Amino acid sequence: MSEPDRPATRQVPAIGSPADAAADPLWAEVAAFLGRAETHGLAAPPTRIDTHAAAVFLAGPLAYKIKRPVRFPYLDFSTPARRAAACRREIAVDRPIAPEIYRRVVAITRAADGGLAIGGAGEAVEWAVEMNRFDEAATLDRRLAAGPLDTALVDQLAVVVADAEARAPVGDWRRWRADLAVWVGQNADAFAARPDLFAPDAVATLTRATLARLDDLAELLDERGRLGFVRLGHGDLHAANVAIVDERPLLFDAIEFDDRIATGDVLYDAGFLVMDLIRRGDRAAARRFLDRLLIETARREARPPRGRPVAAALLAEMDGLAALPTFLSIRAALRAKIAVATAASLVGEARAAGEAAARRLFAAAESHLDPCPSMLVAIGGLSGSGKSTLARALADDLGPAPGAVVLRSDEIRKLLAGVEDRTALDPAGYTATASDRVYDVLTAAAGRALAAGRSVIVDAVHLRPRERDHLAVLARGAEVPFLGLWLDVDPPIAADRVGLRSGDASDASPAVVAWQAAVDPGRLDWQRLDANGDATALVAAARRRLAAVVPSRSDSAPPRP
C-alpha cells in the first residue's frame, strides 16, 4: 500500500474536473509514448510514477515529468500552454536548489509521419521537465520508513533548508497573511465535502480554532513580515520532496504553479517538514532539525545582504516559535486535504489506506492546536559531564511538539563569534567579557522561547551562582516549572571524554576541565546527579527527577501512517 503523498508506481486516473486524462486524448497519447521502452532505447518500459498533478517516467539515467491536465482550486494545468509555463517555472524554481537533478524543459513534438519525439523538429504538442534520475527509493520519506534518521543527516538537512531560505526572495507578507485564512477555509470546504471521513463538528471546531489562532498571532506575523521573514520559498517541503544523493539531502519539487502558495514565513515553509517528521514517527529528528534550523537561520540572517545583528536574529527566531503550532496544524490539514484528493483516484485497499492516512493527518492538525504546558530545564556541570547528551534525550520528552528547544552555550558562543560550530575559537572567544555576552544571549533566548510557549533546556557549565539564579528567576517570571540539574563527574573521567570528542561545537580540552574543576561553584541548590556512569543511567535518573516536576509528556506525536 502506498501513502497518499507517496506516488504510486502504477497508472491511475488523473484527478480533477473537467480537464482530466479521459477528456484529453492528446495528453494520454503523450503519456503512452513516454511510457514505452522504445521511446528511450530501453529493453524494458520505464517506471511510471503518478501524483495528483504530474506523471514521471524513470527512463534509464533520465526522468521525464509531464504535468497532468488537471484543475484544482489551487492549480490549473488544464491547457498545454499552462503546462508548458509550469514546466519552465519548475526549472526556474528547482534548478537553483538542486542543479544535480534538474536539466531543462524539453518539447514533446509531432513528426511529419504523425509520430511523437522527445525534442524533435516538429510541432510541440506537450512539454516535459527533463531530470537526471536519482534513486527513487533514496528519498527522506523512504529513509524514515526504515527507521530513525541519523543525526548527521538531520544536521545537514537543517543547513540545506537554511541555505535555501536565505536565498529565497522576500515575498508579499500582507497578501500571504490574507491567503492563510483563505487556505484554512479551502481546507474546511474539502473536509465538509467528506462527512464520512471528517465529522462536521470536528471540522467546524478545527476551523474556528485555527482562525482564532491566526487572529491572536496577527501582530507577530505582521512584525515578521516587516522584518523580511516572509519569502518565496519551497512551498511543499515534506519528506517525499527531499532526495538523498551521495548521503546529502537535496530539496526538489518546489511549488512552481503559484507563487502565492510558495510564499510564506520561513518557519511556515520549514514547519511543513517538522510536521511531516513528527507524523512519520521521528519526533527526535523533527526536534533536532528545528533546533539546528533556528541556529543556522540566525547565522545566515547576520550575513549580507540582510546583515542583522546575530543576537537580534536569534531572538527573532525564538519569537517566531509562538506561531509554530498553528503552522504545523495548517500544514497537517493541507496534507489531509491532498490525501483525500489522491485517495479518490485509488481503489480497494489503497483507497482505504489513503483515507485512513487523511484522517490521521486531520487528527494531527487538531492535536497541534491542543494546549500544552511548557517548562524550563537547566543542566550544568563540567565539560564532559554529559550535559548535551542528557539535554537532547530530555528534550524529546517535553512539549509542545516536537519537543523542547535546546540552547547550548557552545553553539551560542560560535554563533556570536561569527564562525561555524566546528571552528575552534582562539582565547579571545573565551574572555570573561565574551562569556558574559554568551550567557546574556543564552538567557534572553530562553526567555523569548518561553514567552513563545515553548519548553526550553539550557545546556551550559553554569559555574557561577548568578548564572544559575538568573534561570530560576526567568522561570518564575514566565510562570513555568523549573528544574535545575547539576551533573557530578570525576574530573579525570570528564577529561577523558572531552579528549575523545571530534566534530563538536565545544572547544573544551582536558586543561579546560582541570580549570573548571578548580573553580568553586558556590552554593548548589540544583538537583545533583551522578554522571560518572553510562548515559542510559543518567538519562533514566534525570527523567525520574523530571517526572516529579511535570508529567512525562503532555502532548503526543500523531501516530505513524
Protein backbone atom coordinates (compact mmCIF):
# COMPACT_ATOMS: atom_id res chain seq x y z
CA MET A 1 0.00 0.00 0.00
CA SER A 2 1.20 3.47 -0.75
CA GLU A 3 0.76 6.54 1.40
CA PRO A 4 -1.35 9.26 -0.15
CA ASP A 5 1.64 11.57 -0.59
CA ARG A 6 3.91 8.79 -1.80
CA PRO A 7 3.24 8.41 -5.53
CA ALA A 8 2.04 5.02 -6.65
CA THR A 9 4.23 3.37 -9.30
CA ARG A 10 1.30 2.49 -11.50
CA GLN A 11 -1.11 4.27 -13.75
CA VAL A 12 -4.01 5.97 -12.02
CA PRO A 13 -6.72 8.19 -13.46
CA ALA A 14 -5.98 11.89 -13.42
CA ILE A 15 -7.78 13.81 -10.71
CA GLY A 16 -9.81 16.92 -11.37
CA SER A 17 -12.71 18.12 -13.42
CA PRO A 18 -13.44 18.94 -16.14
CA ALA A 19 -9.95 18.60 -17.60
CA ASP A 20 -8.84 15.04 -16.90
CA ALA A 21 -6.97 12.45 -18.94
CA ALA A 22 -10.16 10.92 -20.29
CA ALA A 23 -11.10 14.30 -21.77
CA ASP A 24 -7.60 14.95 -23.16
CA PRO A 25 -6.65 12.16 -25.57
CA LEU A 26 -3.55 14.02 -26.76
CA TRP A 27 -2.13 14.09 -23.25
CA ALA A 28 -2.92 10.41 -22.89
CA GLU A 29 -1.08 9.74 -26.18
CA VAL A 30 1.99 11.60 -24.90
CA ALA A 31 1.90 9.66 -21.63
CA ALA A 32 1.67 6.37 -23.52
CA PHE A 33 4.60 7.44 -25.73
CA LEU A 34 6.80 8.28 -22.75
CA GLY A 35 5.83 5.00 -21.14
CA ARG A 36 7.18 2.83 -23.98
CA ALA A 37 10.63 1.24 -23.83
CA GLU A 38 11.48 2.05 -27.46
CA THR A 39 10.96 5.77 -26.86
CA HIS A 40 14.05 5.76 -24.65
CA GLY A 41 16.01 2.96 -26.31
CA LEU A 42 15.46 0.68 -23.34
CA ALA A 43 14.86 -3.05 -23.14
CA ALA A 44 12.01 -2.62 -20.67
CA PRO A 45 9.38 0.10 -20.20
CA PRO A 46 10.32 2.93 -17.85
CA THR A 47 8.84 3.06 -14.39
CA ARG A 48 5.87 5.42 -14.23
CA ILE A 49 5.08 7.38 -11.08
CA ASP A 50 1.81 9.29 -10.83
CA THR A 51 0.93 12.07 -8.42
CA HIS A 52 -2.20 14.20 -8.29
CA ALA A 53 -0.58 16.79 -10.60
CA ALA A 54 2.12 15.03 -12.66
CA ALA A 55 3.30 11.83 -14.25
CA VAL A 56 7.01 10.95 -14.08
CA PHE A 57 8.76 8.40 -16.29
CA LEU A 58 12.03 6.96 -14.98
CA ALA A 59 13.94 6.04 -18.12
CA GLY A 60 17.49 4.81 -17.66
CA PRO A 61 19.67 7.66 -16.34
CA LEU A 62 16.99 10.27 -17.02
CA ALA A 63 13.50 11.10 -15.86
CA TYR A 64 10.73 12.97 -17.70
CA LYS A 65 7.95 14.73 -15.84
CA ILE A 66 4.78 15.94 -17.56
CA LYS A 67 2.09 17.96 -15.86
CA ARG A 68 -1.30 16.30 -15.74
CA PRO A 69 -4.31 18.01 -17.38
CA VAL A 70 -5.99 18.82 -14.08
CA ARG A 71 -7.57 21.81 -12.43
CA PHE A 72 -7.94 22.37 -8.70
CA PRO A 73 -8.82 25.49 -6.72
CA TYR A 74 -5.09 25.98 -6.17
CA LEU A 75 -3.68 24.73 -9.52
CA ASP A 76 -4.64 24.87 -13.19
CA PHE A 77 -2.81 22.65 -15.70
CA SER A 78 -5.85 22.30 -17.94
CA THR A 79 -4.24 23.57 -21.17
CA PRO A 80 -0.95 22.77 -22.94
CA ALA A 81 0.12 26.41 -22.60
CA ARG A 82 -0.40 26.32 -18.84
CA ARG A 83 1.51 23.05 -18.58
CA ALA A 84 4.40 24.45 -20.64
CA ALA A 85 4.58 27.52 -18.41
CA ALA A 86 4.56 25.29 -15.32
CA CYS A 87 7.47 23.23 -16.70
CA ARG A 88 9.52 26.36 -17.34
CA ARG A 89 8.70 27.66 -13.91
CA GLU A 90 9.72 24.35 -12.31
CA ILE A 91 13.18 24.60 -13.83
CA ALA A 92 13.46 28.22 -12.70
CA VAL A 93 12.45 27.32 -9.14
CA ASP A 94 14.14 23.95 -8.64
CA ARG A 95 17.36 24.15 -10.58
CA PRO A 96 18.92 26.68 -8.17
CA ILE A 97 18.29 24.38 -5.18
CA ALA A 98 19.01 21.05 -6.93
CA PRO A 99 21.19 21.57 -10.03
CA GLU A 100 22.31 17.95 -9.71
CA ILE A 101 18.77 16.85 -10.59
CA TYR A 102 17.13 19.41 -12.89
CA ARG A 103 18.35 19.66 -16.50
CA ARG A 104 15.96 21.51 -18.84
CA VAL A 105 12.49 21.82 -20.31
CA VAL A 106 12.07 19.69 -23.42
CA ALA A 107 9.28 19.64 -26.01
CA ILE A 108 7.38 16.51 -26.98
CA THR A 109 6.99 17.07 -30.73
CA ARG A 110 4.86 15.69 -33.57
CA ALA A 111 6.90 14.48 -36.56
CA ALA A 112 5.75 14.69 -40.17
CA ASP A 113 4.77 11.00 -40.14
CA GLY A 114 2.50 11.65 -37.12
CA GLY A 115 4.78 10.03 -34.54
CA LEU A 116 5.98 11.69 -31.37
CA ALA A 117 9.56 12.52 -30.39
CA ILE A 118 11.43 14.00 -27.44
CA GLY A 119 12.89 17.32 -28.52
CA GLY A 120 12.25 16.74 -32.20
CA ALA A 121 11.96 19.28 -35.01
CA GLY A 122 8.19 19.06 -35.34
CA GLU A 123 5.41 20.95 -33.64
CA ALA A 124 5.45 20.89 -29.84
CA VAL A 125 2.33 19.17 -28.51
CA GLU A 126 3.40 18.83 -24.85
CA TRP A 127 6.29 19.80 -22.62
CA ALA A 128 8.31 17.85 -20.06
CA VAL A 129 10.83 18.60 -17.35
CA GLU A 130 13.96 16.56 -18.05
CA MET A 131 15.90 15.48 -14.96
CA ASN A 132 18.86 13.38 -14.01
CA ARG A 133 17.43 10.33 -12.37
CA PHE A 134 18.19 9.63 -8.74
CA ASP A 135 17.33 6.54 -6.79
CA GLU A 136 13.59 6.90 -6.24
CA ALA A 137 13.96 4.81 -3.08
CA ALA A 138 16.53 7.30 -1.71
CA THR A 139 14.14 9.97 -0.53
CA LEU A 140 13.69 11.16 3.01
CA ASP A 141 10.29 9.52 3.43
CA ARG A 142 11.73 6.17 2.39
CA ARG A 143 14.67 6.64 4.74
CA LEU A 144 12.23 7.39 7.55
CA ALA A 145 10.30 4.22 6.79
CA ALA A 146 13.49 2.26 7.51
CA GLY A 147 13.96 3.81 10.95
CA PRO A 148 15.04 6.99 12.77
CA LEU A 149 17.22 9.41 10.86
CA ASP A 150 20.92 9.70 11.51
CA THR A 151 21.87 12.81 13.46
CA ALA A 152 24.43 13.91 10.87
CA LEU A 153 21.80 13.72 8.12
CA VAL A 154 19.36 15.82 10.18
CA ASP A 155 22.04 18.45 10.76
CA GLN A 156 22.84 18.55 7.03
CA LEU A 157 19.14 18.87 6.28
CA ALA A 158 18.89 21.93 8.54
CA VAL A 159 21.84 23.55 6.76
CA VAL A 160 20.35 22.84 3.31
CA VAL A 161 16.96 24.28 4.29
CA ALA A 162 18.52 27.33 5.96
CA ASP A 163 20.60 27.96 2.83
CA ALA A 164 17.51 27.70 0.62
CA GLU A 165 15.51 30.05 2.84
CA ALA A 166 18.40 32.55 2.93
CA ARG A 167 18.50 32.65 -0.89
CA ALA A 168 14.73 32.98 -1.25
CA PRO A 169 13.47 36.44 -2.23
CA VAL A 170 11.27 38.37 0.18
CA GLY A 171 7.57 37.89 -0.56
CA ASP A 172 4.41 39.94 -0.16
CA TRP A 173 3.69 39.36 3.52
CA ARG A 174 0.37 41.22 3.57
CA ARG A 175 -1.04 39.05 0.80
CA TRP A 176 0.31 35.91 2.47
CA ARG A 177 -1.41 36.85 5.72
CA ALA A 178 -4.73 37.16 3.88
CA ASP A 179 -4.11 33.94 1.94
CA LEU A 180 -3.63 31.93 5.15
CA ALA A 181 -7.25 32.47 6.13
CA VAL A 182 -8.37 31.60 2.60
CA TRP A 183 -6.47 28.30 2.70
CA VAL A 184 -7.96 27.43 6.07
CA GLY A 185 -11.40 27.97 4.52
CA GLN A 186 -10.50 25.81 1.50
CA ASN A 187 -9.38 23.04 3.83
CA ALA A 188 -12.68 23.28 5.68
CA ASP A 189 -14.65 23.08 2.42
CA ALA A 190 -12.74 19.97 1.35
CA PHE A 191 -13.34 18.30 4.72
CA ALA A 192 -17.01 19.28 4.73
CA ALA A 193 -17.43 17.54 1.37
CA ARG A 194 -16.46 14.24 3.03
CA PRO A 195 -18.57 13.91 6.19
CA ASP A 196 -17.97 10.18 6.01
CA LEU A 197 -14.31 10.86 6.84
CA PHE A 198 -14.42 14.06 8.90
CA ALA A 199 -17.11 14.75 11.49
CA PRO A 200 -18.76 18.11 10.71
CA ASP A 201 -18.48 19.26 14.33
CA ALA A 202 -14.75 18.46 14.34
CA VAL A 203 -14.24 20.34 11.07
CA ALA A 204 -16.03 23.40 12.42
CA THR A 205 -14.05 23.29 15.67
CA LEU A 206 -10.71 22.98 13.91
CA THR A 207 -11.55 25.79 11.52
CA ARG A 208 -12.68 28.17 14.28
CA ALA A 209 -9.64 27.36 16.41
CA THR A 210 -7.22 27.91 13.54
CA LEU A 211 -8.72 31.24 12.54
CA ALA A 212 -8.73 32.35 16.18
CA ARG A 213 -5.04 31.45 16.49
CA LEU A 214 -4.26 33.45 13.36
CA ASP A 215 -6.06 36.44 14.87
CA ASP A 216 -4.05 36.08 18.08
CA LEU A 217 -0.82 35.88 16.08
CA ALA A 218 -1.62 38.84 13.83
CA GLU A 219 0.81 41.26 15.46
CA LEU A 220 3.67 38.73 15.49
CA LEU A 221 3.09 37.63 11.89
CA ASP A 222 2.93 41.24 10.71
CA GLU A 223 6.17 42.05 12.50
CA ARG A 224 7.92 39.03 10.96
CA GLY A 225 6.62 40.15 7.59
CA ARG A 226 8.07 43.61 8.10
CA LEU A 227 11.39 42.03 9.11
CA GLY A 228 11.52 40.10 5.82
CA PHE A 229 10.86 36.60 7.13
CA VAL A 230 8.08 36.01 4.57
CA ARG A 231 9.75 34.70 1.43
CA LEU A 232 9.09 32.96 -1.86
CA GLY A 233 10.29 29.57 -0.65
CA HIS A 234 9.86 25.89 -1.46
CA GLY A 235 6.19 25.71 -0.57
CA ASP A 236 5.93 21.90 -0.46
CA LEU A 237 8.75 20.89 1.83
CA HIS A 238 7.73 17.46 3.09
CA ALA A 239 9.84 14.32 3.35
CA ALA A 240 8.93 12.92 -0.08
CA ASN A 241 10.39 16.07 -1.66
CA VAL A 242 13.86 15.60 -0.19
CA ALA A 243 16.25 13.38 -2.16
CA ILE A 244 19.33 11.85 -0.56
CA VAL A 245 22.12 11.82 -3.15
CA ASP A 246 25.57 10.64 -2.02
CA GLU A 247 24.26 10.91 1.54
CA ARG A 248 23.48 14.60 1.03
CA PRO A 249 19.90 15.91 1.25
CA LEU A 250 18.65 17.79 -1.82
CA LEU A 251 15.36 19.68 -1.90
CA PHE A 252 13.31 19.20 -5.05
CA ASP A 253 9.80 19.56 -6.49
CA ALA A 254 9.15 23.03 -5.08
CA ILE A 255 5.82 24.71 -5.83
CA GLU A 256 6.08 26.11 -9.34
CA PHE A 257 2.46 26.69 -10.29
CA ASP A 258 1.58 29.51 -7.91
CA ASP A 259 3.99 31.90 -6.18
CA ARG A 260 1.30 32.73 -3.64
CA ILE A 261 1.24 29.13 -2.42
CA ALA A 262 5.05 29.02 -2.33
CA THR A 263 5.23 32.24 -0.32
CA GLY A 264 5.23 32.13 3.46
CA ASP A 265 7.06 32.73 6.68
CA VAL A 266 10.31 30.75 6.71
CA LEU A 267 9.02 28.86 9.76
CA TYR A 268 5.81 28.05 7.90
CA ASP A 269 7.84 26.70 4.98
CA ALA A 270 10.24 24.64 7.10
CA GLY A 271 7.41 23.77 9.51
CA PHE A 272 5.97 21.54 6.80
CA LEU A 273 8.99 19.26 7.21
CA VAL A 274 8.80 19.46 11.01
CA MET A 275 5.16 18.35 10.84
CA ASP A 276 5.99 15.54 8.42
CA LEU A 277 8.86 14.19 10.52
CA ILE A 278 6.58 14.12 13.57
CA ARG A 279 3.71 12.38 11.84
CA ARG A 280 6.06 9.81 10.30
CA GLY A 281 7.19 8.82 13.78
CA ASP A 282 10.60 10.51 14.18
CA ARG A 283 9.90 13.23 16.72
CA ALA A 284 13.57 13.30 17.75
CA ALA A 285 14.60 14.17 14.19
CA ALA A 286 11.91 16.86 14.00
CA ARG A 287 13.12 18.43 17.23
CA ARG A 288 16.81 18.36 16.30
CA PHE A 289 16.04 19.69 12.81
CA LEU A 290 14.17 22.62 14.36
CA ASP A 291 16.96 23.34 16.86
CA ARG A 292 19.62 23.35 14.18
CA LEU A 293 17.43 25.35 11.80
CA LEU A 294 17.00 28.14 14.38
CA ILE A 295 20.76 28.48 14.81
CA GLU A 296 21.56 28.18 11.11
CA THR A 297 18.87 30.69 10.16
CA ALA A 298 20.16 33.23 12.68
CA ARG A 299 23.68 32.70 11.33
CA ARG A 300 22.56 33.46 7.78
CA GLU A 301 20.45 36.44 8.82
CA ALA A 302 23.65 38.05 10.11
CA ARG A 303 25.32 37.74 6.70
CA PRO A 304 24.87 40.01 3.68
CA PRO A 305 22.54 41.06 2.22
CA ARG A 306 20.45 41.19 5.40
CA GLY A 307 23.26 41.80 7.89
CA ARG A 308 21.15 41.72 11.05
CA PRO A 309 22.92 41.69 14.42
CA VAL A 310 23.23 37.99 15.12
CA ALA A 311 21.78 38.17 18.64
CA ALA A 312 18.74 40.05 17.35
CA ALA A 313 18.32 37.47 14.59
CA LEU A 314 18.37 34.63 17.12
CA LEU A 315 15.84 36.36 19.36
CA ALA A 316 13.55 36.94 16.37
CA GLU A 317 13.72 33.21 15.67
CA MET A 318 12.68 32.50 19.26
CA ASP A 319 9.76 34.92 18.97
CA GLY A 320 8.58 33.22 15.79
CA LEU A 321 8.15 29.93 17.62
CA ALA A 322 4.85 31.22 19.01
CA ALA A 323 3.37 30.62 15.56
CA LEU A 324 4.81 27.13 15.11
CA PRO A 325 1.86 25.09 16.49
CA THR A 326 -0.53 26.94 14.19
CA PHE A 327 1.80 26.47 11.22
CA LEU A 328 2.10 22.73 11.97
CA SER A 329 -1.68 22.43 12.21
CA ILE A 330 -2.32 24.20 8.92
CA ARG A 331 0.30 22.09 7.19
CA ALA A 332 -1.21 18.86 8.54
CA ALA A 333 -4.65 19.97 7.39
CA LEU A 334 -3.31 20.75 3.91
CA ARG A 335 -1.80 17.28 3.66
CA ALA A 336 -5.08 15.77 4.83
CA LYS A 337 -6.91 17.62 2.06
CA ILE A 338 -4.42 16.42 -0.56
CA ALA A 339 -4.55 12.88 0.84
CA VAL A 340 -8.32 12.80 0.32
CA ALA A 341 -7.99 14.04 -3.25
CA THR A 342 -5.29 11.47 -4.02
CA ALA A 343 -7.22 8.63 -2.41
CA ALA A 344 -10.20 9.41 -4.64
CA SER A 345 -8.19 8.16 -7.63
CA LEU A 346 -7.37 4.84 -5.98
CA VAL A 347 -9.40 1.70 -5.45
CA GLY A 348 -9.75 -1.05 -2.89
CA GLU A 349 -7.19 -1.33 -0.12
CA ALA A 350 -5.08 1.52 -1.50
CA ARG A 351 -8.04 3.90 -1.31
CA ALA A 352 -8.92 2.78 2.20
CA ALA A 353 -5.31 3.26 3.31
CA GLY A 354 -5.21 6.75 1.78
CA GLU A 355 -8.41 7.79 3.51
CA ALA A 356 -7.17 6.41 6.82
CA ALA A 357 -3.99 8.44 6.47
CA ALA A 358 -6.10 11.53 5.72
CA ARG A 359 -8.00 11.01 8.97
CA ARG A 360 -4.71 10.70 10.87
CA LEU A 361 -3.45 13.91 9.33
CA PHE A 362 -6.67 15.65 10.33
CA ALA A 363 -6.17 14.35 13.88
CA ALA A 364 -2.62 15.71 13.78
CA ALA A 365 -3.95 19.12 12.75
CA GLU A 366 -6.24 19.04 15.78
CA SER A 367 -3.50 17.89 18.17
CA HIS A 368 -1.08 20.67 17.22
CA LEU A 369 -3.62 23.21 18.48
CA ASP A 370 -4.15 21.46 21.82
CA PRO A 371 -2.89 23.48 24.80
CA CYS A 372 0.43 22.15 26.10
CA PRO A 373 2.31 23.37 29.19
CA SER A 374 5.95 24.36 28.90
CA MET A 375 8.85 24.38 31.36
CA LEU A 376 12.48 25.40 31.76
CA VAL A 377 15.22 22.86 32.44
CA ALA A 378 18.83 23.88 33.06
CA ILE A 379 21.73 21.42 33.01
CA GLY A 380 25.12 22.32 34.45
CA GLY A 381 28.40 20.64 35.26
CA LEU A 382 31.96 20.27 33.98
CA SER A 383 32.66 19.92 30.30
CA GLY A 384 32.47 16.22 29.54
CA SER A 385 29.87 15.52 32.21
CA GLY A 386 27.24 14.58 29.61
CA LYS A 387 25.15 17.75 29.58
CA SER A 388 24.48 17.82 25.84
CA THR A 389 23.66 14.12 25.64
CA LEU A 390 21.20 14.49 28.50
CA ALA A 391 19.68 17.68 27.07
CA ARG A 392 18.91 16.01 23.74
CA ALA A 393 17.36 13.00 25.47
CA LEU A 394 15.14 15.06 27.77
CA ALA A 395 14.09 17.49 25.04
CA ASP A 396 12.12 14.80 23.25
CA ASP A 397 10.00 14.30 26.40
CA LEU A 398 8.78 17.89 26.65
CA GLY A 399 6.03 19.65 24.75
CA PRO A 400 4.79 21.33 22.70
CA ALA A 401 5.71 19.17 19.73
CA PRO A 402 8.30 18.43 18.53
CA GLY A 403 9.93 18.97 21.93
CA ALA A 404 11.93 21.45 23.95
CA VAL A 405 14.23 23.99 22.35
CA VAL A 406 17.80 23.14 23.39
CA LEU A 407 20.00 26.21 23.82
CA ARG A 408 23.64 25.18 24.15
CA SER A 409 26.21 27.72 25.26
CA ASP A 410 28.90 26.26 22.98
CA GLU A 411 26.70 26.81 19.93
CA ILE A 412 25.65 30.30 21.00
CA ARG A 413 29.31 31.23 21.53
CA LYS A 414 30.21 30.16 17.98
CA LEU A 415 27.15 31.93 16.59
CA LEU A 416 28.08 35.20 18.31
CA ALA A 417 31.69 34.85 17.13
CA GLY A 418 30.51 34.52 13.52
CA VAL A 419 32.01 31.09 12.92
CA GLU A 420 30.66 27.63 12.21
CA ASP A 421 30.10 25.26 15.13
CA ARG A 422 33.17 23.16 14.40
CA THR A 423 35.55 26.10 14.01
CA ALA A 424 37.80 26.40 17.08
CA LEU A 425 37.96 29.82 18.72
CA ASP A 426 41.15 31.47 19.92
CA PRO A 427 41.41 32.65 23.55
CA ALA A 428 39.68 35.94 22.70
CA GLY A 429 36.48 33.96 22.31
CA TYR A 430 36.66 32.83 25.92
CA THR A 431 37.38 36.05 27.82
CA ALA A 432 35.16 36.99 30.74
CA THR A 433 33.51 39.64 28.57
CA ALA A 434 32.81 37.15 25.79
CA SER A 435 31.44 34.60 28.25
CA ASP A 436 29.18 37.20 29.88
CA ARG A 437 27.73 38.02 26.46
CA VAL A 438 27.15 34.33 25.73
CA TYR A 439 25.18 33.90 28.96
CA ASP A 440 23.24 37.11 28.39
CA VAL A 441 22.13 35.98 24.92
CA LEU A 442 21.53 32.44 26.14
CA THR A 443 19.16 33.56 28.88
CA ALA A 444 17.49 36.16 26.65
CA ALA A 445 16.83 33.48 24.02
CA ALA A 446 15.46 31.15 26.69
CA GLY A 447 13.12 33.87 27.93
CA ARG A 448 11.84 34.65 24.44
CA ALA A 449 11.25 30.95 23.70
CA LEU A 450 9.35 30.52 26.97
CA ALA A 451 7.26 33.57 26.14
CA ALA A 452 6.50 31.90 22.80
CA GLY A 453 5.07 28.91 24.67
CA ARG A 454 7.99 26.53 24.16
CA SER A 455 9.73 24.33 26.68
CA VAL A 456 13.44 25.15 26.89
CA ILE A 457 16.56 23.29 28.02
CA VAL A 458 19.64 25.41 28.69
CA ASP A 459 22.89 23.44 28.36
CA ALA A 460 25.90 25.25 29.84
CA VAL A 461 28.59 24.78 32.51
CA HIS A 462 26.82 27.24 34.86
CA LEU A 463 29.79 27.57 37.20
CA ARG A 464 28.71 30.94 38.63
CA PRO A 465 25.79 31.15 41.10
CA ARG A 466 24.34 34.23 39.35
CA GLU A 467 24.01 32.27 36.12
CA ARG A 468 22.01 29.59 37.90
CA ASP A 469 19.94 32.07 39.89
CA HIS A 470 19.05 34.04 36.79
CA LEU A 471 17.41 31.00 35.21
CA ALA A 472 15.27 30.30 38.26
CA VAL A 473 14.10 33.92 38.19
CA LEU A 474 13.41 33.60 34.46
CA ALA A 475 11.16 30.59 35.05
CA ARG A 476 9.24 32.36 37.80
CA GLY A 477 8.69 35.36 35.57
CA ALA A 478 7.38 33.13 32.79
CA GLU A 479 5.24 31.21 35.32
CA VAL A 480 6.59 27.84 34.21
CA PRO A 481 8.05 24.96 36.23
CA PHE A 482 11.84 24.97 36.63
CA LEU A 483 14.23 22.07 37.09
CA GLY A 484 17.96 22.64 37.57
CA LEU A 485 20.18 19.57 37.21
CA TRP A 486 23.85 19.51 38.22
CA LEU A 487 25.93 16.65 36.84
CA ASP A 488 28.61 15.45 39.23
CA VAL A 489 31.55 13.83 37.44
CA ASP A 490 35.09 13.00 38.43
CA PRO A 491 37.45 15.38 36.59
CA PRO A 492 39.64 12.59 35.13
CA ILE A 493 36.54 10.96 33.59
CA ALA A 494 35.38 14.29 32.16
CA ALA A 495 38.86 14.98 30.79
CA ASP A 496 38.95 11.60 29.07
CA ARG A 497 35.56 12.26 27.47
CA VAL A 498 36.45 15.67 26.06
CA GLY A 499 39.70 14.25 24.78
CA LEU A 500 37.73 11.81 22.62
CA ARG A 501 35.43 14.45 21.10
CA SER A 502 35.58 15.36 17.45
CA GLY A 503 33.39 17.47 15.20
CA ASP A 504 31.68 19.18 18.14
CA ALA A 505 30.85 22.80 18.93
CA SER A 506 32.73 22.59 22.23
CA ASP A 507 36.38 23.64 22.31
CA ALA A 508 36.86 22.17 25.80
CA SER A 509 40.10 20.27 26.42
CA PRO A 510 41.41 18.30 29.41
CA ALA A 511 43.15 21.51 30.54
CA VAL A 512 39.82 23.36 30.45
CA VAL A 513 38.23 20.61 32.55
CA ALA A 514 41.02 20.93 35.10
CA TRP A 515 40.47 24.69 35.28
CA GLN A 516 36.71 24.26 35.72
CA ALA A 517 37.21 21.64 38.45
CA ALA A 518 39.37 24.10 40.43
CA VAL A 519 36.61 26.73 40.46
CA ASP A 520 34.32 26.81 43.49
CA PRO A 521 30.75 26.86 42.05
CA GLY A 522 29.38 28.20 45.32
CA ARG A 523 26.00 27.20 46.69
CA LEU A 524 24.45 24.42 44.57
CA ASP A 525 20.70 24.17 45.04
CA TRP A 526 20.08 22.29 41.79
CA GLN A 527 19.33 18.59 41.92
CA ARG A 528 22.58 16.63 41.65
CA LEU A 529 23.05 13.54 39.52
CA ASP A 530 25.95 11.12 39.32
CA ALA A 531 27.31 11.43 35.78
CA ASN A 532 30.28 9.06 36.11
CA GLY A 533 28.43 6.10 34.61
CA ASP A 534 26.89 5.49 31.22
CA ALA A 535 24.44 7.85 29.58
CA THR A 536 21.49 5.45 29.85
CA ALA A 537 21.57 5.50 33.63
CA LEU A 538 21.99 9.26 33.71
CA VAL A 539 19.02 9.84 31.41
CA ALA A 540 16.84 7.48 33.45
CA ALA A 541 17.74 9.28 36.69
CA ALA A 542 17.05 12.68 35.13
CA ARG A 543 13.68 11.54 33.82
CA ARG A 544 12.68 10.50 37.33
CA ARG A 545 13.51 13.98 38.58
CA LEU A 546 11.62 15.48 35.65
CA ALA A 547 8.53 13.36 36.33
CA ALA A 548 8.36 14.81 39.84
CA VAL A 549 8.08 18.31 38.38
CA VAL A 550 5.88 17.81 35.31
CA PRO A 551 4.11 14.84 33.64
CA SER A 552 6.45 12.92 31.33
CA ARG A 553 4.97 14.03 28.01
CA SER A 554 1.93 16.23 27.91
CA ASP A 555 1.49 16.07 24.16
CA SER A 556 1.81 13.06 21.95
CA ALA A 557 3.14 12.74 18.45
CA PRO A 558 0.47 11.80 15.94
CA PRO A 559 0.61 8.10 15.08
CA ARG A 560 2.77 6.98 12.22
CA PRO A 561 0.77 6.50 8.98
